Amino acid sequence: MLINNPDPWRPTLLIIAGSLRVEPAAREAYLSGCAQVIAQARATAGCLDFLLAADPLEPGRIHVYERWESAEQLAAFRGSGPEDAQEAAILDADVRRYLIAGVEAP
């Protein structure tokens, strides 16, 4: 089933996806420190999914996946961004924002 967007200039869904790199020895502590942020995001209006997860093959890699109903709801949640300690632990990041105009069921 295709869900069509009545306004082609306004996406129906926003996906944030990519990865972060941290020191391999610090990854579990980093993810543990993110648990509260994940819970807050999932409780926020407009958040359909929010996940930070360890990569099973690369020790310092963390996958990022978020789904939001709108850019406005994402912006309201983001506020000032990650805490200083979390931001300092990130060695590299490749995270993209995808604007989705339609969705099909598999």
Protein backbone atom coordinates (compact mmCIF):
# COMPACT_ATOMS: atom_id res chain seq x y z
CA MET A 1 0.00 0.00 0.00
CA LEU A 2 1.40 3.37 -1.02
CA ILE A 3 0.68 6.30 1.26
CA ASN A 4 0.69 9.34 -1.00
CA ASN A 5 1.54 12.79 0.20
CA PRO A 6 -1.18 15.34 -0.68
CA ASP A 7 1.44 18.13 -0.73
CA PRO A 8 4.47 17.02 -2.81
CA TRP A 9 6.52 19.92 -1.46
CA ARG A 10 6.14 18.78 2.15
CA PRO A 11 7.54 15.38 3.10
CA THR A 12 5.33 12.98 5.04
CA LEU A 13 8.21 11.53 7.02
CA LEU A 14 11.69 12.50 8.13
CA ILE A 15 14.39 9.86 8.65
CA ILE A 16 17.74 10.52 10.31
CA ALA A 17 20.19 7.68 9.64
CA GLY A 18 23.91 7.05 9.66
CA SER A 19 26.68 6.22 12.07
CA LEU A 20 28.96 7.64 14.73
CA ARG A 21 32.45 6.50 15.63
CA VAL A 22 33.78 6.47 19.17
CA GLU A 23 36.75 4.75 20.79
CA PRO A 24 35.94 1.02 20.80
CA ALA A 25 36.60 0.75 24.54
CA ALA A 26 34.19 3.63 25.23
CA ARG A 27 31.28 2.49 23.06
CA GLU A 28 29.25 0.65 25.71
CA ALA A 29 29.59 3.54 28.16
CA TYR A 30 28.57 5.98 25.44
CA LEU A 31 25.47 3.94 24.60
CA SER A 32 24.55 3.55 28.29
CA GLY A 33 24.77 7.31 28.63
CA CYS A 34 22.32 7.69 25.74
CA ALA A 35 19.54 5.56 27.27
CA GLN A 36 17.77 8.55 28.84
CA VAL A 37 17.95 10.54 25.59
CA ILE A 38 16.49 7.60 23.66
CA ALA A 39 13.62 7.30 26.15
CA GLN A 40 12.96 11.06 26.00
CA ALA A 41 12.95 11.05 22.22
CA ARG A 42 10.53 8.13 22.02
CA ALA A 43 8.17 9.96 24.40
CA THR A 44 8.28 13.14 22.31
CA ALA A 45 5.33 14.05 20.09
CA GLY A 46 6.15 13.23 16.49
CA CYS A 47 8.87 10.67 17.22
CA LEU A 48 8.02 7.39 15.49
CA ASP A 49 11.32 5.66 16.31
CA PHE A 50 14.69 6.53 17.84
CA LEU A 51 17.63 4.16 18.17
CA LEU A 52 21.36 4.23 18.79
CA ALA A 53 22.85 0.73 18.49
CA ALA A 54 26.25 -0.93 18.51
CA ASP A 55 27.50 -2.29 15.18
CA PRO A 56 28.06 -6.06 15.53
CA LEU A 57 31.26 -6.06 13.41
CA GLU A 58 32.99 -2.71 13.98
CA PRO A 59 33.83 -2.11 17.68
CA GLY A 60 33.75 1.71 17.61
CA ARG A 61 30.74 2.17 15.34
CA ILE A 62 27.25 3.18 16.52
CA HIS A 63 24.24 3.16 14.20
CA VAL A 64 21.81 6.08 14.34
CA TYR A 65 18.19 5.68 13.24
CA GLU A 66 15.32 8.08 13.85
CA ARG A 67 11.88 8.56 12.27
CA TRP A 68 9.92 11.77 12.80
CA GLU A 69 6.57 13.02 11.58
CA SER A 70 7.94 16.51 10.84
CA ALA A 71 11.04 18.68 10.87
CA GLU A 72 9.35 20.97 13.39
CA GLN A 73 8.89 18.12 15.89
CA LEU A 74 12.50 17.02 15.39
CA ALA A 75 13.73 20.58 15.95
CA ALA A 76 11.66 20.92 19.12
CA PHE A 77 13.27 17.76 20.50
CA ARG A 78 16.84 18.56 19.47
CA GLY A 79 17.20 21.71 21.51
CA SER A 80 20.90 22.36 21.99
CA GLY A 81 22.17 18.94 20.83
CA PRO A 82 24.21 16.33 22.65
CA GLU A 83 25.79 16.96 26.03
CA ASP A 84 29.41 18.13 25.93
CA ALA A 85 30.78 14.78 27.16
CA GLN A 86 28.82 12.88 24.50
CA GLU A 87 29.88 15.26 21.76
CA ALA A 88 33.55 15.06 22.84
CA ALA A 89 33.44 11.24 22.61
CA ILE A 90 32.39 11.31 18.94
CA LEU A 91 35.46 10.84 16.74
CA ASP A 92 33.57 10.95 13.44
CA ALA A 93 29.97 11.10 12.26
CA ASP A 94 28.18 10.39 9.01
CA VAL A 95 24.52 11.06 9.70
CA ARG A 96 22.06 12.22 7.03
CA ARG A 97 18.53 13.59 7.00
CA TYR A 98 16.15 11.99 4.49
CA LEU A 99 12.87 13.62 3.48
CA ILE A 100 10.36 10.94 2.51
CA ALA A 101 7.37 11.85 0.32
CA GLY A 102 5.67 8.44 0.24
CA VAL A 103 5.79 5.10 2.04
CA GLU A 104 4.89 1.61 0.81
CA ALA A 105 4.13 -1.42 2.91
CA PRO A 106 6.34 -4.39 2.01
